Protein backbone atom coordinates (compact mmCIF):
# COMPACT_ATOMS: atom_id res chain seq x y z
CA MET A 1 0.00 0.00 0.00
CA GLU A 2 1.39 3.37 -1.00
CA PHE A 3 -0.44 6.62 -0.58
CA THR A 4 -0.18 9.48 -3.09
CA ASP A 5 -1.71 12.92 -3.43
CA LYS A 6 -4.42 11.19 -5.51
CA SER A 7 -5.39 8.82 -2.68
CA THR A 8 -8.89 9.53 -1.41
CA LEU A 9 -9.66 10.24 2.21
CA GLN A 10 -11.71 7.04 2.26
CA GLU A 11 -8.73 4.95 1.07
CA ILE A 12 -6.40 6.58 3.56
CA LEU A 13 -8.72 6.06 6.52
CA GLU A 14 -8.81 2.32 5.82
CA PHE A 15 -5.26 2.30 7.23
CA SER A 16 -5.50 1.97 11.00
CA GLU A 17 -2.81 4.57 11.81
CA ALA A 18 -4.03 7.17 9.32
CA GLU A 19 -6.29 9.13 11.65
CA ARG A 20 -3.48 9.64 14.17
CA ILE A 21 -1.15 10.92 11.42
CA LEU A 22 -3.79 13.15 9.82
CA LEU A 23 -4.54 14.70 13.22
CA LYS A 24 -0.81 15.41 13.67
CA TYR A 25 -1.05 17.60 10.55
CA ASN A 26 -4.30 19.24 11.72
CA VAL A 27 -6.33 17.87 8.83
CA PRO A 28 -9.76 19.34 9.62
CA CYS A 29 -11.68 16.99 7.32
CA LEU A 30 -11.93 14.24 9.93
CA GLY A 31 -14.71 16.06 11.75
CA CYS A 32 -16.23 17.88 8.80
CA PRO A 33 -19.76 16.76 7.84
CA MET A 34 -19.14 17.58 4.15
CA ALA A 35 -15.97 15.46 4.07
CA LYS A 36 -17.97 12.47 5.25
CA ILE A 37 -20.18 12.87 2.19
CA GLU A 38 -17.25 13.42 -0.19
CA MET A 39 -14.82 10.91 1.34
CA SER A 40 -14.69 8.67 -1.72
CA SER A 41 -13.74 11.53 -4.05
CA LEU A 42 -11.83 13.95 -1.79
CA THR A 43 -8.10 13.46 -2.41
CA LEU A 44 -5.22 14.09 -0.08
CA GLY A 45 -3.80 16.54 -2.62
CA GLN A 46 -7.02 18.58 -2.57
CA ILE A 47 -7.06 18.62 1.22
CA CYS A 48 -3.42 19.71 1.45
CA LEU A 49 -3.90 22.45 -1.14
CA THR A 50 -7.04 23.77 0.53
CA TYR A 51 -5.55 23.85 4.04
CA SER A 52 -1.90 24.67 3.18
CA ILE A 53 -0.63 21.35 4.55
CA ASP A 54 2.78 20.08 3.43
CA CYS A 55 1.62 17.16 1.29
CA GLU A 56 5.11 15.68 0.84
CA LYS A 57 5.72 15.47 4.59
CA LEU A 58 2.26 14.10 5.26
CA LEU A 59 2.69 11.45 2.55
CA ALA A 60 6.13 10.54 3.90
CA ASP A 61 4.64 9.96 7.37
CA LEU A 62 1.68 7.98 6.03
CA ASN A 63 3.82 5.80 3.78
CA SER A 64 6.46 5.25 6.48
CA ALA A 65 3.82 4.07 8.92
CA ALA A 66 2.14 1.92 6.26
CA GLU A 67 5.45 0.24 5.47
CA ILE A 68 6.06 -0.56 9.14
CA TYR A 69 2.57 -1.97 9.63
CA GLN A 70 2.71 -4.00 6.42
CA ASN A 71 5.81 -5.89 7.51
């Protein structure tokens, strides 16, 4: 499993550690009612662009954790 800026919020949240990492970056979408409706189409890239979040760092953390939990 490798996350990219095209990964949807729904795909990312299937990973058990994702919520903890997203909260570390103050991703507001986790509690947003609209995000719950758009989860299957809302991409990480869109979220990062909208909220000025460093997408490269966030992806590095997500993919690092995913690699650890896959092994």
